[in-house]
């Protein structure tokens, strides 16, 4: 199950290149994001451009700010196969994934990170994905999948998911793009025979 709320930009206001005041499930920490429709045209990613196969109708962009940041704080499960006891025993893995990209030969990009924190809010682990470079995109407008997986650190109680869009070139548009952002937890196989 994806722990990220609205990781696909489908909920709430948007659909054009105009920045939105708020994004469902996310806190806008900086800048002014836009949730752009894949069929908008005007050089933005189209349904036919590289991106998620099962994409919805919209994706995230940095809007018209030099730097735009969206954050989501997620409480990890307390019970069950991926609950606190399993986490503290080192038996839970996480996978963070997202489709990240940009426009043509511009270096604008998006970075996705997840930071795990303990009960006091102290960071205990960090994974960072992106940005996807112009060379990686072959100088074309595209979103490429990036993923990382590791063991959830014992003591972790929350995860902070951060999307940062950075404009590095000219123009007014921040053409860092993201879609299909996810954070999932998986219980690893438990040793039998009373072994830890």
C-alpha atoms as a PDB file:
ATOM      1  CA  UNK A   1       0.000   0.000   0.000  1.00  0.00           C
ATOM      2  CA  UNK A   2       1.286   3.433  -0.944  1.00  0.00           C
ATOM      3  CA  UNK A   3       1.678   5.554   2.205  1.00  0.00           C
ATOM      4  CA  UNK A   4       1.908   8.778   0.192  1.00  0.00           C
ATOM      5  CA  UNK A   5      -1.361  10.678  -0.152  1.00  0.00           C
ATOM      6  CA  UNK A   6      -2.022  12.038  -3.651  1.00  0.00           C
ATOM      7  CA  UNK A   7       1.347  10.910  -4.981  1.00  0.00           C
ATOM      8  CA  UNK A   8      -0.110  10.991  -8.497  1.00  0.00           C
ATOM      9  CA  UNK A   9      -1.308  14.648  -8.505  1.00  0.00           C
ATOM     10  CA  UNK A  10      -4.851  13.542  -9.283  1.00  0.00           C
ATOM     11  CA  UNK A  11      -6.637  15.109  -6.281  1.00  0.00           C
ATOM     12  CA  UNK A  12      -7.556  18.711  -5.642  1.00  0.00           C
ATOM     13  CA  UNK A  13      -7.319  21.827  -7.816  1.00  0.00           C
ATOM     14  CA  UNK A  14      -5.157  22.000 -10.921  1.00  0.00           C
ATOM     15  CA  UNK A  15      -5.161  20.848 -14.517  1.00  0.00           C
ATOM     16  CA  UNK A  16      -3.463  23.897 -16.039  1.00  0.00           C
ATOM     17  CA  UNK A  17       0.003  25.447 -15.856  1.00  0.00           C
ATOM     18  CA  UNK A  18      -1.300  27.988 -13.339  1.00  0.00           C
ATOM     19  CA  UNK A  19       0.117  27.524  -9.823  1.00  0.00           C
ATOM     20  CA  UNK A  20      -2.240  26.255  -7.127  1.00  0.00           C
ATOM     21  CA  UNK A  21      -2.479  27.576  -3.570  1.00  0.00           C
ATOM     22  CA  UNK A  22      -2.609  24.134  -1.997  1.00  0.00           C
ATOM     23  CA  UNK A  23      -2.040  20.500  -2.936  1.00  0.00           C
ATOM     24  CA  UNK A  24      -4.203  17.757  -1.421  1.00  0.00           C
ATOM     25  CA  UNK A  25      -2.167  15.662   1.022  1.00  0.00           C
ATOM     26  CA  UNK A  26       0.919  17.889   0.814  1.00  0.00           C
ATOM     27  CA  UNK A  27       2.206  21.008   2.565  1.00  0.00           C
ATOM     28  CA  UNK A  28       3.596  23.632   0.196  1.00  0.00           C
ATOM     29  CA  UNK A  29       6.808  24.618   1.959  1.00  0.00           C
ATOM     30  CA  UNK A  30       8.180  26.868  -0.741  1.00  0.00           C
ATOM     31  CA  UNK A  31       7.199  28.238  -4.120  1.00  0.00           C
ATOM     32  CA  UNK A  32       4.010  27.636  -6.062  1.00  0.00           C
ATOM     33  CA  UNK A  33       3.459  24.184  -7.614  1.00  0.00           C
ATOM     34  CA  UNK A  34       1.257  23.439 -10.592  1.00  0.00           C
ATOM     35  CA  UNK A  35      -0.644  20.198 -11.216  1.00  0.00           C
ATOM     36  CA  UNK A  36      -0.598  20.001 -14.989  1.00  0.00           C
ATOM     37  CA  UNK A  37      -2.804  17.894 -17.255  1.00  0.00           C
ATOM     38  CA  UNK A  38      -0.978  15.515 -19.606  1.00  0.00           C
ATOM     39  CA  UNK A  39      -3.138  16.762 -22.479  1.00  0.00           C
ATOM     40  CA  UNK A  40      -2.387  20.467 -21.898  1.00  0.00           C
ATOM     41  CA  UNK A  41       0.192  20.691 -24.686  1.00  0.00           C
ATOM     42  CA  UNK A  42       2.450  23.718 -25.016  1.00  0.00           C
ATOM     43  CA  UNK A  43       5.601  21.638 -24.621  1.00  0.00           C
ATOM     44  CA  UNK A  44       4.575  19.991 -21.347  1.00  0.00           C
ATOM     45  CA  UNK A  45       4.758  16.190 -21.062  1.00  0.00           C
ATOM     46  CA  UNK A  46       2.105  14.500 -23.180  1.00  0.00           C
ATOM     47  CA  UNK A  47       0.488  11.076 -22.759  1.00  0.00           C
ATOM     48  CA  UNK A  48       2.793   9.858 -25.563  1.00  0.00           C
ATOM     49  CA  UNK A  49       6.008  11.067 -23.869  1.00  0.00           C
ATOM     50  CA  UNK A  50       8.050   8.714 -21.638  1.00  0.00           C
ATOM     51  CA  UNK A  51       6.417   8.396 -18.215  1.00  0.00           C
ATOM     52  CA  UNK A  52       4.337   6.071 -16.051  1.00  0.00           C
ATOM     53  CA  UNK A  53       2.481   3.433 -18.075  1.00  0.00           C
ATOM     54  CA  UNK A  54      -0.599   3.684 -15.876  1.00  0.00           C
ATOM     55  CA  UNK A  55      -0.431   7.452 -15.516  1.00  0.00           C
ATOM     56  CA  UNK A  56      -3.493   9.407 -14.548  1.00  0.00           C
ATOM     57  CA  UNK A  57      -4.480  12.727 -16.038  1.00  0.00           C
ATOM     58  CA  UNK A  58      -2.011  15.014 -14.226  1.00  0.00           C
ATOM     59  CA  UNK A  59       1.554  15.394 -12.932  1.00  0.00           C
ATOM     60  CA  UNK A  60       3.374  17.747 -10.550  1.00  0.00           C
ATOM     61  CA  UNK A  61       5.532  20.638 -11.746  1.00  0.00           C
ATOM     62  CA  UNK A  62       7.418  23.451 -10.054  1.00  0.00           C
ATOM     63  CA  UNK A  63       4.988  26.061 -11.390  1.00  0.00           C
ATOM     64  CA  UNK A  64       6.652  29.427 -11.932  1.00  0.00           C
ATOM     65  CA  UNK A  65       8.879  29.572  -8.841  1.00  0.00           C
ATOM     66  CA  UNK A  66      12.682  29.143  -8.988  1.00  0.00           C
ATOM     67  CA  UNK A  67      12.338  26.530  -6.252  1.00  0.00           C
ATOM     68  CA  UNK A  68       9.175  24.741  -5.165  1.00  0.00           C
ATOM     69  CA  UNK A  69       8.995  22.267  -2.283  1.00  0.00           C
ATOM     70  CA  UNK A  70       6.177  19.923  -1.245  1.00  0.00           C
ATOM     71  CA  UNK A  71       6.396  17.921   1.969  1.00  0.00           C
ATOM     72  CA  UNK A  72       4.345  15.143   3.530  1.00  0.00           C
ATOM     73  CA  UNK A  73       4.882  13.750   7.029  1.00  0.00           C
ATOM     74  CA  UNK A  74       3.724  10.144   7.361  1.00  0.00           C
ATOM     75  CA  UNK A  75       3.219   8.175  10.565  1.00  0.00           C
ATOM     76  CA  UNK A  76       4.488   4.622  10.150  1.00  0.00           C
ATOM     77  CA  UNK A  77       2.168   1.735  11.140  1.00  0.00           C
ATOM     78  CA  UNK A  78       2.098   0.932  14.840  1.00  0.00           C
ATOM     79  CA  UNK A  79       0.993  -2.706  14.547  1.00  0.00           C
ATOM     80  CA  UNK A  80       0.999  -5.597  12.146  1.00  0.00           C
ATOM     81  CA  UNK A  81       3.638  -7.095   9.877  1.00  0.00           C
ATOM     82  CA  UNK A  82       5.198  -3.657   9.209  1.00  0.00           C
ATOM     83  CA  UNK A  83       4.500  -2.194  12.674  1.00  0.00           C
ATOM     84  CA  UNK A  84       6.902  -0.909  15.305  1.00  0.00           C
ATOM     85  CA  UNK A  85       7.975  -4.295  16.672  1.00  0.00           C
ATOM     86  CA  UNK A  86       8.922  -5.495  13.179  1.00  0.00           C
ATOM     87  CA  UNK A  87      10.678  -2.207  12.380  1.00  0.00           C
ATOM     88  CA  UNK A  88      12.694  -2.338  15.590  1.00  0.00           C
ATOM     89  CA  UNK A  89      13.693  -5.930  14.812  1.00  0.00           C
ATOM     90  CA  UNK A  90      14.952  -4.866  11.383  1.00  0.00           C
ATOM     91  CA  UNK A  91      12.298  -6.870   9.538  1.00  0.00           C
ATOM     92  CA  UNK A  92      10.723  -4.132   7.416  1.00  0.00           C
ATOM     93  CA  UNK A  93      11.978  -2.826   4.086  1.00  0.00           C
ATOM     94  CA  UNK A  94      10.863   0.333   2.366  1.00  0.00           C
ATOM     95  CA  UNK A  95      10.766   1.274  -1.276  1.00  0.00           C
ATOM     96  CA  UNK A  96      10.538   4.889  -2.361  1.00  0.00           C
ATOM     97  CA  UNK A  97       9.768   5.500  -6.016  1.00  0.00           C
ATOM     98  CA  UNK A  98       8.778   8.260  -8.356  1.00  0.00           C
ATOM     99  CA  UNK A  99       8.794   9.270 -11.985  1.00  0.00           C
ATOM    100  CA  UNK A 100      10.979  12.369 -12.288  1.00  0.00           C
ATOM    101  CA  UNK A 101      11.834  14.477 -15.289  1.00  0.00           C
ATOM    102  CA  UNK A 102      12.009  17.749 -17.125  1.00  0.00           C
ATOM    103  CA  UNK A 103      11.614  19.644 -20.361  1.00  0.00           C
ATOM    104  CA  UNK A 104      13.653  19.133 -23.545  1.00  0.00           C
ATOM    105  CA  UNK A 105      17.277  20.321 -23.157  1.00  0.00           C
ATOM    106  CA  UNK A 106      16.648  22.339 -19.985  1.00  0.00           C
ATOM    107  CA  UNK A 107      18.263  21.225 -16.727  1.00  0.00           C
ATOM    108  CA  UNK A 108      15.229  22.030 -14.551  1.00  0.00           C
ATOM    109  CA  UNK A 109      14.556  18.978 -12.429  1.00  0.00           C
ATOM    110  CA  UNK A 110      12.773  17.335  -9.526  1.00  0.00           C
ATOM    111  CA  UNK A 111      14.279  15.592  -6.505  1.00  0.00           C
ATOM    112  CA  UNK A 112      12.395  13.132  -4.310  1.00  0.00           C
ATOM    113  CA  UNK A 113      13.593  12.169  -0.848  1.00  0.00           C
ATOM    114  CA  UNK A 114      12.350  10.233   2.158  1.00  0.00           C
ATOM    115  CA  UNK A 115      13.757  10.869   5.612  1.00  0.00           C
ATOM    116  CA  UNK A 116      12.941   8.481   8.449  1.00  0.00           C
ATOM    117  CA  UNK A 117      12.741   9.934  11.950  1.00  0.00           C
ATOM    118  CA  UNK A 118      12.586   8.448  15.420  1.00  0.00           C
ATOM    119  CA  UNK A 119      10.010   9.248  18.112  1.00  0.00           C
ATOM    120  CA  UNK A 120      11.876  12.454  19.012  1.00  0.00           C
ATOM    121  CA  UNK A 121      11.916  13.632  15.403  1.00  0.00           C
ATOM    122  CA  UNK A 122      15.616  12.938  14.938  1.00  0.00           C
ATOM    123  CA  UNK A 123      16.523  11.838  11.372  1.00  0.00           C
ATOM    124  CA  UNK A 124      17.801   8.240  11.291  1.00  0.00           C
ATOM    125  CA  UNK A 125      17.967   7.494   7.536  1.00  0.00           C
ATOM    126  CA  UNK A 126      17.658   9.277   4.197  1.00  0.00           C
ATOM    127  CA  UNK A 127      17.140   8.200   0.581  1.00  0.00           C
ATOM    128  CA  UNK A 128      17.326  10.720  -2.271  1.00  0.00           C
ATOM    129  CA  UNK A 129      16.218  10.176  -5.876  1.00  0.00           C
ATOM    130  CA  UNK A 130      16.940  12.459  -8.823  1.00  0.00           C
ATOM    131  CA  UNK A 131      17.053  14.877 -10.315  1.00  0.00           C
ATOM    132  CA  UNK A 132      16.970  13.209 -13.721  1.00  0.00           C
ATOM    133  CA  UNK A 133      19.469  14.996 -15.965  1.00  0.00           C
ATOM    134  CA  UNK A 134      19.103  16.188 -19.543  1.00  0.00           C
ATOM    135  CA  UNK A 135      21.561  13.482 -20.619  1.00  0.00           C
ATOM    136  CA  UNK A 136      19.507  10.782 -18.886  1.00  0.00           C
ATOM    137  CA  UNK A 137      16.404  12.034 -20.690  1.00  0.00           C
ATOM    138  CA  UNK A 138      18.244  12.227 -24.016  1.00  0.00           C
ATOM    139  CA  UNK A 139      17.405  15.971 -24.251  1.00  0.00           C
ATOM    140  CA  UNK A 140      13.724  15.192 -24.599  1.00  0.00           C
ATOM    141  CA  UNK A 141      10.711  15.951 -22.455  1.00  0.00           C
ATOM    142  CA  UNK A 142      10.269  12.852 -20.323  1.00  0.00           C
ATOM    143  CA  UNK A 143       9.679  11.389 -16.878  1.00  0.00           C
ATOM    144  CA  UNK A 144      11.896   8.446 -15.871  1.00  0.00           C
ATOM    145  CA  UNK A 145      11.365   6.057 -12.983  1.00  0.00           C
ATOM    146  CA  UNK A 146      13.718   6.262 -10.029  1.00  0.00           C
ATOM    147  CA  UNK A 147      13.553   3.937  -7.032  1.00  0.00           C
ATOM    148  CA  UNK A 148      15.470   3.065  -3.870  1.00  0.00           C
ATOM    149  CA  UNK A 149      14.941   0.323  -1.314  1.00  0.00           C
ATOM    150  CA  UNK A 150      16.490  -0.427   2.075  1.00  0.00           C
ATOM    151  CA  UNK A 151      15.656  -1.612   5.577  1.00  0.00           C
ATOM    152  CA  UNK A 152      13.573   0.775   7.657  1.00  0.00           C
ATOM    153  CA  UNK A 153      15.947   1.781  10.468  1.00  0.00           C
ATOM    154  CA  UNK A 154      15.025   0.430  13.910  1.00  0.00           C
ATOM    155  CA  UNK A 155      13.383   3.144  15.953  1.00  0.00           C
ATOM    156  CA  UNK A 156      11.837   4.895  12.947  1.00  0.00           C
ATOM    157  CA  UNK A 157       8.327   6.186  13.656  1.00  0.00           C
ATOM    158  CA  UNK A 158       7.670   8.697  10.881  1.00  0.00           C
ATOM    159  CA  UNK A 159       8.764   9.357   7.319  1.00  0.00           C
ATOM    160  CA  UNK A 160       9.060  12.778   5.704  1.00  0.00           C
ATOM    161  CA  UNK A 161       8.576  12.695   1.937  1.00  0.00           C
ATOM    162  CA  UNK A 162       9.938  15.774   0.167  1.00  0.00           C
ATOM    163  CA  UNK A 163       9.532  16.803  -3.477  1.00  0.00           C
ATOM    164  CA  UNK A 164      11.759  19.685  -4.586  1.00  0.00           C
ATOM    165  CA  UNK A 165      11.489  21.260  -8.040  1.00  0.00           C
ATOM    166  CA  UNK A 166      14.384  23.482  -9.126  1.00  0.00           C
ATOM    167  CA  UNK A 167      14.577  25.865 -12.082  1.00  0.00           C
ATOM    168  CA  UNK A 168      18.143  26.016 -13.329  1.00  0.00           C
ATOM    169  CA  UNK A 169      17.761  27.648 -16.713  1.00  0.00           C
ATOM    170  CA  UNK A 170      16.081  30.718 -18.133  1.00  0.00           C
ATOM    171  CA  UNK A 171      12.404  31.392 -18.551  1.00  0.00           C
ATOM    172  CA  UNK A 172       9.694  31.669 -15.934  1.00  0.00           C
ATOM    173  CA  UNK A 173       8.475  28.069 -15.816  1.00  0.00           C
ATOM    174  CA  UNK A 174      10.005  25.644 -13.325  1.00  0.00           C
ATOM    175  CA  UNK A 175      10.012  22.582 -15.566  1.00  0.00           C
ATOM    176  CA  UNK A 176      10.897  19.995 -12.962  1.00  0.00           C
ATOM    177  CA  UNK A 177       8.231  17.268 -13.190  1.00  0.00           C
ATOM    178  CA  UNK A 178       7.139  14.375 -10.973  1.00  0.00           C
ATOM    179  CA  UNK A 179       4.418  11.735 -10.952  1.00  0.00           C
ATOM    180  CA  UNK A 180       3.555   8.394  -9.339  1.00  0.00           C
ATOM    181  CA  UNK A 181       5.349   9.151  -6.067  1.00  0.00           C
ATOM    182  CA  UNK A 182       5.143   6.230  -3.634  1.00  0.00           C
ATOM    183  CA  UNK A 183       6.465   4.903  -0.351  1.00  0.00           C
ATOM    184  CA  UNK A 184       5.700   1.278   0.460  1.00  0.00           C
ATOM    185  CA  UNK A 185       6.672  -1.020   3.322  1.00  0.00           C
ATOM    186  CA  UNK A 186       7.293  -4.768   3.039  1.00  0.00           C
ATOM    187  CA  UNK A 187       7.725  -7.299   5.826  1.00  0.00           C
ATOM    188  CA  UNK A 188      10.821  -9.418   5.269  1.00  0.00           C
ATOM    189  CA  UNK A 189      10.825 -13.157   5.888  1.00  0.00           C
ATOM    190  CA  UNK A 190      11.122 -14.065   9.529  1.00  0.00           C
ATOM    191  CA  UNK A 191      13.646 -16.688  10.566  1.00  0.00           C
ATOM    192  CA  UNK A 192      12.093 -19.902  11.928  1.00  0.00           C
ATOM    193  CA  UNK A 193      13.085 -22.020  14.877  1.00  0.00           C
ATOM    194  CA  UNK A 194      13.255 -19.143  17.316  1.00  0.00           C
ATOM    195  CA  UNK A 195      16.282 -17.615  15.603  1.00  0.00           C
ATOM    196  CA  UNK A 196      16.425 -13.841  15.307  1.00  0.00           C
END
